[in-house]
Amino acid sequence: MLEALVGSGGAERTLLFLEAREAGYAREICELYGISLSVVQKHLQRMEAGGLLVSDLVGRTRVFRFNPRFPFLKETRALLRAALNNLPEPLREQLLMNRRRPRRTGKPL
């Protein structure tokens, strides 16, 4: 969908992930989409070097999020939200579900 604009499908998926979840790390993104970790890391590094993303170390994990000082952030995120709304329903639900740890055994739904 946005592949022509951002240069590759991996970059598009990375941006959609960050738009859906606000922040994330490389392994989390590659596990969701089933793509190579090195590909995701290269996209994240390129976007950080371009000023679109910023990263913070949380323990030993580098967590990426959108740079609030990026000049076209509002427009970029609006485009990504529109793309998210056009994704197939199962993929959109998978992106929006932001469970960080397993549900406690026996916990009622």
Protein backbone atom coordinates (compact mmCIF):
# COMPACT_ATOMS: atom_id res chain seq x y z
CA MET A 1 0.00 0.00 0.00
CA LEU A 2 2.63 2.57 1.09
CA GLU A 3 5.54 0.57 -0.25
CA ALA A 4 6.12 2.98 -3.14
CA LEU A 5 6.36 5.91 -0.73
CA VAL A 6 8.61 4.43 1.95
CA GLY A 7 10.81 2.30 -0.29
CA SER A 8 10.02 -1.24 0.81
CA GLY A 9 7.43 -3.49 2.35
CA GLY A 10 9.55 -3.96 5.46
CA ALA A 11 9.71 -0.22 6.08
CA GLU A 12 5.96 0.04 5.56
CA ARG A 13 5.26 -2.75 8.05
CA THR A 14 7.64 -1.20 10.57
CA LEU A 15 5.88 2.17 10.38
CA LEU A 16 2.42 0.59 10.59
CA PHE A 17 3.49 -1.34 13.68
CA LEU A 18 4.75 1.81 15.39
CA GLU A 19 1.60 3.72 14.45
CA ALA A 20 -0.61 0.97 15.89
CA ARG A 21 1.34 0.43 19.11
CA GLU A 22 3.07 3.82 19.65
CA ALA A 23 6.43 2.13 20.39
CA GLY A 24 8.20 -1.13 19.78
CA TYR A 25 11.47 -2.95 19.42
CA ALA A 26 12.97 -4.76 16.45
CA ARG A 27 12.40 -8.36 17.56
CA GLU A 28 8.75 -7.65 18.37
CA ILE A 29 8.20 -6.27 14.86
CA CYS A 30 9.99 -9.10 13.06
CA GLU A 31 8.12 -11.77 15.05
CA LEU A 32 4.74 -10.27 14.19
CA TYR A 33 5.40 -10.11 10.46
CA GLY A 34 7.79 -13.05 10.12
CA ILE A 35 10.53 -10.99 8.49
CA SER A 36 14.26 -10.93 9.16
CA LEU A 37 15.52 -9.14 12.27
CA SER A 38 18.38 -7.52 10.35
CA VAL A 39 15.93 -6.04 7.81
CA VAL A 40 13.82 -4.49 10.56
CA GLN A 41 16.91 -3.17 12.37
CA LYS A 42 18.17 -1.52 9.16
CA HIS A 43 14.82 0.18 8.59
CA LEU A 44 14.67 1.40 12.18
CA GLN A 45 18.23 2.74 12.04
CA ARG A 46 17.57 4.50 8.72
CA MET A 47 14.39 6.12 10.04
CA GLU A 48 16.14 7.17 13.25
CA ALA A 49 19.01 8.71 11.26
CA GLY A 50 16.42 10.60 9.17
CA GLY A 51 14.78 12.02 12.28
CA LEU A 52 11.44 10.24 11.93
CA LEU A 53 12.05 7.96 14.93
CA VAL A 54 13.81 8.24 18.26
CA SER A 55 14.95 5.38 20.46
CA ASP A 56 15.49 4.81 24.16
CA LEU A 57 17.25 2.00 25.95
CA VAL A 58 14.97 0.12 28.30
CA GLY A 59 17.31 -2.27 30.05
CA ARG A 60 19.20 -3.85 27.16
CA THR A 61 16.41 -3.33 24.64
CA ARG A 62 16.27 -0.37 22.25
CA VAL A 63 12.65 0.81 22.00
CA PHE A 64 11.67 2.99 19.03
CA ARG A 65 8.86 5.54 18.76
CA PHE A 66 7.99 8.49 16.55
CA ASN A 67 10.04 11.64 17.07
CA PRO A 68 7.65 14.36 18.34
CA ARG A 69 9.94 17.00 16.79
CA PHE A 70 9.77 15.59 13.24
CA PRO A 71 8.41 18.40 11.00
CA PHE A 72 5.86 16.27 9.13
CA LEU A 73 4.87 13.96 11.97
CA LYS A 74 1.20 14.91 11.98
CA GLU A 75 0.84 14.29 8.24
CA THR A 76 2.89 11.08 8.34
CA ARG A 77 0.81 9.62 11.16
CA ALA A 78 -2.45 10.61 9.43
CA LEU A 79 -1.31 8.71 6.33
CA LEU A 80 -0.34 5.69 8.43
CA ARG A 81 -3.70 5.74 10.26
CA ALA A 82 -5.50 5.73 6.90
CA ALA A 83 -3.37 2.78 5.80
CA LEU A 84 -4.13 0.94 9.07
CA ASN A 85 -7.84 1.37 8.47
CA ASN A 86 -7.49 -0.30 5.07
CA LEU A 87 -5.65 -3.38 6.34
CA PRO A 88 -7.46 -6.73 6.46
CA GLU A 89 -9.33 -7.15 9.74
CA PRO A 90 -7.24 -10.07 11.15
CA LEU A 91 -3.96 -8.21 10.63
CA ARG A 92 -5.37 -4.98 12.06
CA GLU A 93 -6.58 -6.79 15.20
CA GLN A 94 -3.20 -8.47 15.58
CA LEU A 95 -1.45 -5.10 15.31
CA LEU A 96 -3.75 -3.37 17.77
CA MET A 97 -3.59 -6.14 20.39
CA ASN A 98 -0.77 -4.99 22.61
CA ARG A 99 -0.38 -7.79 25.15
CA ARG A 100 3.11 -7.77 26.65
CA ARG A 101 2.82 -10.90 28.75
CA PRO A 102 0.58 -13.99 28.91
CA ARG A 103 -2.79 -13.89 30.60
CA ARG A 104 -2.78 -15.24 34.16
CA THR A 105 -3.99 -18.84 34.34
CA GLY A 106 -7.62 -19.03 35.38
CA LYS A 107 -8.29 -15.30 34.94
CA PRO A 108 -11.85 -14.75 33.67
CA LEU A 109 -12.33 -13.11 30.30
